């Protein structure tokens, strides 16, 4: 081993890469912090392509004004949303008129026997006074990865990322 350190180091790196690839192939997936970083990056790209955070908020306000009784939308029906909201490529949208909040799930899915991607979405407050808004945490409390969320951060006036 002392005579061939470089060869042993190379073989060790190959073995480690093989184990990582095997775990990813078997459905373990990347660590949560890596996946969360990737999700945030994708959402920011989509928001910028849609025209920025103000455009997203205006699109959600328009959505709320068109659906005064509330709305539950899922990815199959694409013709009912403003183009700005469609640019986010949402999976599920839920508008609650009682809370004046549009919840947009962008990532997150539980898979049985495979890698479950963690929840990541936006909550947009559509009322005039967004400073008093407190987004819900743990919307889905079944504790299944990809279905619920436990954290939030304010990204713009009246817009929170929920993860």
C-alpha atoms as a PDB file:
ATOM      1  CA  UNK A   1       0.000   0.000   0.000  1.00  0.00           C
ATOM      2  CA  UNK A   2       2.824   2.414   0.800  1.00  0.00           C
ATOM      3  CA  UNK A   3       4.448   1.810  -2.557  1.00  0.00           C
ATOM      4  CA  UNK A   4       1.289   2.445  -4.612  1.00  0.00           C
ATOM      5  CA  UNK A   5      -0.580   5.193  -2.759  1.00  0.00           C
ATOM      6  CA  UNK A   6      -1.723   6.933  -5.924  1.00  0.00           C
ATOM      7  CA  UNK A   7      -3.179   3.739  -7.393  1.00  0.00           C
ATOM      8  CA  UNK A   8      -4.984   2.936  -4.156  1.00  0.00           C
ATOM      9  CA  UNK A   9      -6.345   6.486  -3.938  1.00  0.00           C
ATOM     10  CA  UNK A  10      -7.656   6.279  -7.500  1.00  0.00           C
ATOM     11  CA  UNK A  11      -9.302   2.918  -6.821  1.00  0.00           C
ATOM     12  CA  UNK A  12     -10.806   4.301  -3.601  1.00  0.00           C
ATOM     13  CA  UNK A  13     -12.316   7.227  -5.491  1.00  0.00           C
ATOM     14  CA  UNK A  14     -13.728   4.897  -8.134  1.00  0.00           C
ATOM     15  CA  UNK A  15     -15.232   2.678  -5.430  1.00  0.00           C
ATOM     16  CA  UNK A  16     -16.777   5.689  -3.661  1.00  0.00           C
ATOM     17  CA  UNK A  17     -18.253   6.968  -6.934  1.00  0.00           C
ATOM     18  CA  UNK A  18     -19.643   3.495  -7.589  1.00  0.00           C
ATOM     19  CA  UNK A  19     -21.346   3.402  -4.186  1.00  0.00           C
ATOM     20  CA  UNK A  20     -22.850   6.873  -4.705  1.00  0.00           C
ATOM     21  CA  UNK A  21     -24.140   5.937  -8.172  1.00  0.00           C
ATOM     22  CA  UNK A  22     -25.552   2.686  -6.813  1.00  0.00           C
ATOM     23  CA  UNK A  23     -27.427   4.545  -4.057  1.00  0.00           C
ATOM     24  CA  UNK A  24     -28.828   7.074  -6.530  1.00  0.00           C
ATOM     25  CA  UNK A  25     -29.837   4.276  -8.921  1.00  0.00           C
ATOM     26  CA  UNK A  26     -31.558   2.379  -6.091  1.00  0.00           C
ATOM     27  CA  UNK A  27     -33.727   5.399  -5.276  1.00  0.00           C
ATOM     28  CA  UNK A  28     -31.902   6.976  -2.346  1.00  0.00           C
ATOM     29  CA  UNK A  29     -31.277  10.186  -4.289  1.00  0.00           C
ATOM     30  CA  UNK A  30     -29.134  13.184  -3.418  1.00  0.00           C
ATOM     31  CA  UNK A  31     -29.042  14.692   0.081  1.00  0.00           C
ATOM     32  CA  UNK A  32     -31.941  17.019   0.906  1.00  0.00           C
ATOM     33  CA  UNK A  33     -29.793  20.177   1.024  1.00  0.00           C
ATOM     34  CA  UNK A  34     -28.494  19.483  -2.505  1.00  0.00           C
ATOM     35  CA  UNK A  35     -31.978  18.896  -3.849  1.00  0.00           C
ATOM     36  CA  UNK A  36     -33.337  22.000  -2.069  1.00  0.00           C
ATOM     37  CA  UNK A  37     -30.584  24.137  -3.638  1.00  0.00           C
ATOM     38  CA  UNK A  38     -31.454  22.736  -7.069  1.00  0.00           C
ATOM     39  CA  UNK A  39     -35.169  23.430  -6.490  1.00  0.00           C
ATOM     40  CA  UNK A  40     -34.520  27.041  -5.445  1.00  0.00           C
ATOM     41  CA  UNK A  41     -32.328  27.603  -8.484  1.00  0.00           C
ATOM     42  CA  UNK A  42     -35.009  26.248 -10.835  1.00  0.00           C
ATOM     43  CA  UNK A  43     -37.765  28.344  -9.228  1.00  0.00           C
ATOM     44  CA  UNK A  44     -35.696  31.546  -9.471  1.00  0.00           C
ATOM     45  CA  UNK A  45     -35.000  30.809 -13.151  1.00  0.00           C
ATOM     46  CA  UNK A  46     -38.712  30.292 -13.808  1.00  0.00           C
ATOM     47  CA  UNK A  47     -39.662  33.451 -11.890  1.00  0.00           C
ATOM     48  CA  UNK A  48     -37.162  35.521 -13.881  1.00  0.00           C
ATOM     49  CA  UNK A  49     -38.487  34.037 -17.140  1.00  0.00           C
ATOM     50  CA  UNK A  50     -42.029  34.954 -16.059  1.00  0.00           C
ATOM     51  CA  UNK A  51     -41.106  38.582 -15.403  1.00  0.00           C
ATOM     52  CA  UNK A  52     -40.036  38.630 -11.754  1.00  0.00           C
ATOM     53  CA  UNK A  53     -41.677  38.404  -8.366  1.00  0.00           C
ATOM     54  CA  UNK A  54     -44.036  41.343  -8.999  1.00  0.00           C
ATOM     55  CA  UNK A  55     -45.385  39.634 -12.121  1.00  0.00           C
ATOM     56  CA  UNK A  56     -45.974  36.439 -10.128  1.00  0.00           C
ATOM     57  CA  UNK A  57     -47.854  38.365  -7.435  1.00  0.00           C
ATOM     58  CA  UNK A  58     -50.000  40.183 -10.021  1.00  0.00           C
ATOM     59  CA  UNK A  59     -50.744  36.886 -11.775  1.00  0.00           C
ATOM     60  CA  UNK A  60     -51.862  35.339  -8.483  1.00  0.00           C
ATOM     61  CA  UNK A  61     -54.034  38.373  -7.693  1.00  0.00           C
ATOM     62  CA  UNK A  62     -55.629  37.987 -11.139  1.00  0.00           C
ATOM     63  CA  UNK A  63     -56.164  34.282 -10.441  1.00  0.00           C
ATOM     64  CA  UNK A  64     -57.825  35.129  -7.119  1.00  0.00           C
ATOM     65  CA  UNK A  65     -60.103  37.712  -8.735  1.00  0.00           C
ATOM     66  CA  UNK A  66     -61.222  35.186 -11.364  1.00  0.00           C
ATOM     67  CA  UNK A  67     -61.941  32.481  -8.754  1.00  0.00           C
ATOM     68  CA  UNK A  68     -63.696  34.234  -5.879  1.00  0.00           C
ATOM     69  CA  UNK A  69     -65.046  30.926  -4.509  1.00  0.00           C
ATOM     70  CA  UNK A  70     -61.624  29.305  -4.401  1.00  0.00           C
ATOM     71  CA  UNK A  71     -59.680  27.051  -6.727  1.00  0.00           C
ATOM     72  CA  UNK A  72     -58.001  23.677  -6.673  1.00  0.00           C
ATOM     73  CA  UNK A  73     -55.953  23.141  -9.828  1.00  0.00           C
ATOM     74  CA  UNK A  74     -53.673  20.279 -10.814  1.00  0.00           C
ATOM     75  CA  UNK A  75     -51.170  20.009 -13.648  1.00  0.00           C
ATOM     76  CA  UNK A  76     -53.458  18.317 -16.174  1.00  0.00           C
ATOM     77  CA  UNK A  77     -55.675  21.366 -16.736  1.00  0.00           C
ATOM     78  CA  UNK A  78     -53.477  24.102 -18.237  1.00  0.00           C
ATOM     79  CA  UNK A  79     -55.940  26.512 -19.829  1.00  0.00           C
ATOM     80  CA  UNK A  80     -57.353  28.082 -16.647  1.00  0.00           C
ATOM     81  CA  UNK A  81     -54.270  29.930 -15.385  1.00  0.00           C
ATOM     82  CA  UNK A  82     -52.615  33.235 -16.193  1.00  0.00           C
ATOM     83  CA  UNK A  83     -49.507  32.758 -18.380  1.00  0.00           C
ATOM     84  CA  UNK A  84     -47.244  34.097 -15.630  1.00  0.00           C
ATOM     85  CA  UNK A  85     -48.363  31.342 -13.266  1.00  0.00           C
ATOM     86  CA  UNK A  86     -48.064  28.665 -15.976  1.00  0.00           C
ATOM     87  CA  UNK A  87     -44.418  29.729 -16.445  1.00  0.00           C
ATOM     88  CA  UNK A  88     -43.686  28.369 -12.944  1.00  0.00           C
ATOM     89  CA  UNK A  89     -44.668  24.869 -14.167  1.00  0.00           C
ATOM     90  CA  UNK A  90     -46.771  24.170 -11.066  1.00  0.00           C
ATOM     91  CA  UNK A  91     -47.993  20.740 -10.033  1.00  0.00           C
ATOM     92  CA  UNK A  92     -50.858  21.885  -7.780  1.00  0.00           C
ATOM     93  CA  UNK A  93     -52.418  25.279  -7.093  1.00  0.00           C
ATOM     94  CA  UNK A  94     -54.831  25.899  -4.262  1.00  0.00           C
ATOM     95  CA  UNK A  95     -56.502  29.265  -3.716  1.00  0.00           C
ATOM     96  CA  UNK A  96     -58.230  29.839  -0.412  1.00  0.00           C
ATOM     97  CA  UNK A  97     -60.379  32.994  -0.391  1.00  0.00           C
ATOM     98  CA  UNK A  98     -60.699  32.839   3.418  1.00  0.00           C
ATOM     99  CA  UNK A  99     -56.930  33.224   3.768  1.00  0.00           C
ATOM    100  CA  UNK A 100     -56.499  35.282   0.572  1.00  0.00           C
ATOM    101  CA  UNK A 101     -53.623  32.959  -0.261  1.00  0.00           C
ATOM    102  CA  UNK A 102     -52.582  31.180  -3.446  1.00  0.00           C
ATOM    103  CA  UNK A 103     -50.483  28.094  -2.650  1.00  0.00           C
ATOM    104  CA  UNK A 104     -48.383  26.841  -5.554  1.00  0.00           C
ATOM    105  CA  UNK A 105     -46.677  23.468  -5.292  1.00  0.00           C
ATOM    106  CA  UNK A 106     -43.823  23.372  -7.782  1.00  0.00           C
ATOM    107  CA  UNK A 107     -41.818  20.373  -6.569  1.00  0.00           C
ATOM    108  CA  UNK A 108     -42.527  17.476  -4.279  1.00  0.00           C
ATOM    109  CA  UNK A 109     -43.767  13.979  -4.791  1.00  0.00           C
ATOM    110  CA  UNK A 110     -43.873  10.887  -2.641  1.00  0.00           C
ATOM    111  CA  UNK A 111     -42.834   7.719  -4.395  1.00  0.00           C
ATOM    112  CA  UNK A 112     -43.233   4.288  -2.886  1.00  0.00           C
ATOM    113  CA  UNK A 113     -40.069   2.294  -3.418  1.00  0.00           C
ATOM    114  CA  UNK A 114     -38.132   5.160  -5.006  1.00  0.00           C
ATOM    115  CA  UNK A 115     -36.694   8.573  -4.311  1.00  0.00           C
ATOM    116  CA  UNK A 116     -39.270  11.013  -2.940  1.00  0.00           C
ATOM    117  CA  UNK A 117     -38.538  14.594  -3.911  1.00  0.00           C
ATOM    118  CA  UNK A 118     -39.107  17.103  -1.089  1.00  0.00           C
ATOM    119  CA  UNK A 119     -41.904  19.676  -1.202  1.00  0.00           C
ATOM    120  CA  UNK A 120     -41.053  23.124  -2.548  1.00  0.00           C
ATOM    121  CA  UNK A 121     -43.562  25.785  -3.459  1.00  0.00           C
ATOM    122  CA  UNK A 122     -44.707  29.361  -3.131  1.00  0.00           C
ATOM    123  CA  UNK A 123     -47.473  30.970  -1.121  1.00  0.00           C
ATOM    124  CA  UNK A 124     -48.693  34.301  -2.442  1.00  0.00           C
ATOM    125  CA  UNK A 125     -50.837  36.542  -0.294  1.00  0.00           C
ATOM    126  CA  UNK A 126     -53.362  38.352  -2.494  1.00  0.00           C
ATOM    127  CA  UNK A 127     -54.820  40.873  -0.026  1.00  0.00           C
ATOM    128  CA  UNK A 128     -53.640  44.464   0.179  1.00  0.00           C
ATOM    129  CA  UNK A 129     -51.884  44.130   3.550  1.00  0.00           C
ATOM    130  CA  UNK A 130     -49.349  41.334   3.132  1.00  0.00           C
ATOM    131  CA  UNK A 131     -47.242  42.287   6.165  1.00  0.00           C
ATOM    132  CA  UNK A 132     -49.680  40.500   8.521  1.00  0.00           C
ATOM    133  CA  UNK A 133     -49.681  37.280   6.536  1.00  0.00           C
ATOM    134  CA  UNK A 134     -48.243  34.204   8.247  1.00  0.00           C
ATOM    135  CA  UNK A 135     -47.925  31.255   5.852  1.00  0.00           C
ATOM    136  CA  UNK A 136     -49.076  27.867   7.011  1.00  0.00           C
ATOM    137  CA  UNK A 137     -46.455  25.335   7.965  1.00  0.00           C
ATOM    138  CA  UNK A 138     -47.055  21.640   7.622  1.00  0.00           C
ATOM    139  CA  UNK A 139     -49.965  22.031   5.181  1.00  0.00           C
ATOM    140  CA  UNK A 140     -50.102  18.283   4.801  1.00  0.00           C
ATOM    141  CA  UNK A 141     -49.342  16.706   8.155  1.00  0.00           C
ATOM    142  CA  UNK A 142     -49.071  13.083   7.064  1.00  0.00           C
ATOM    143  CA  UNK A 143     -45.267  13.379   7.405  1.00  0.00           C
ATOM    144  CA  UNK A 144     -44.656  11.782   4.021  1.00  0.00           C
ATOM    145  CA  UNK A 145     -41.681  13.226   2.158  1.00  0.00           C
ATOM    146  CA  UNK A 146     -42.873  15.286  -0.792  1.00  0.00           C
ATOM    147  CA  UNK A 147     -46.328  15.995   0.616  1.00  0.00           C
ATOM    148  CA  UNK A 148     -45.809  18.362   3.543  1.00  0.00           C
ATOM    149  CA  UNK A 149     -43.610  21.303   4.351  1.00  0.00           C
ATOM    150  CA  UNK A 150     -42.052  22.647   7.501  1.00  0.00           C
ATOM    151  CA  UNK A 151     -40.103  25.777   6.585  1.00  0.00           C
ATOM    152  CA  UNK A 152     -40.662  29.127   4.927  1.00  0.00           C
ATOM    153  CA  UNK A 153     -38.806  32.213   3.832  1.00  0.00           C
ATOM    154  CA  UNK A 154     -40.060  35.531   2.556  1.00  0.00           C
ATOM    155  CA  UNK A 155     -38.707  36.165  -0.951  1.00  0.00           C
ATOM    156  CA  UNK A 156     -40.696  39.269  -1.907  1.00  0.00           C
ATOM    157  CA  UNK A 157     -43.580  41.392  -0.666  1.00  0.00           C
ATOM    158  CA  UNK A 158     -46.396  38.955   0.056  1.00  0.00           C
ATOM    159  CA  UNK A 159     -44.548  35.968  -1.458  1.00  0.00           C
ATOM    160  CA  UNK A 160     -43.051  33.144   0.584  1.00  0.00           C
ATOM    161  CA  UNK A 161     -41.145  30.094  -0.487  1.00  0.00           C
ATOM    162  CA  UNK A 162     -42.384  27.112   1.443  1.00  0.00           C
ATOM    163  CA  UNK A 163     -40.346  23.940   1.788  1.00  0.00           C
END
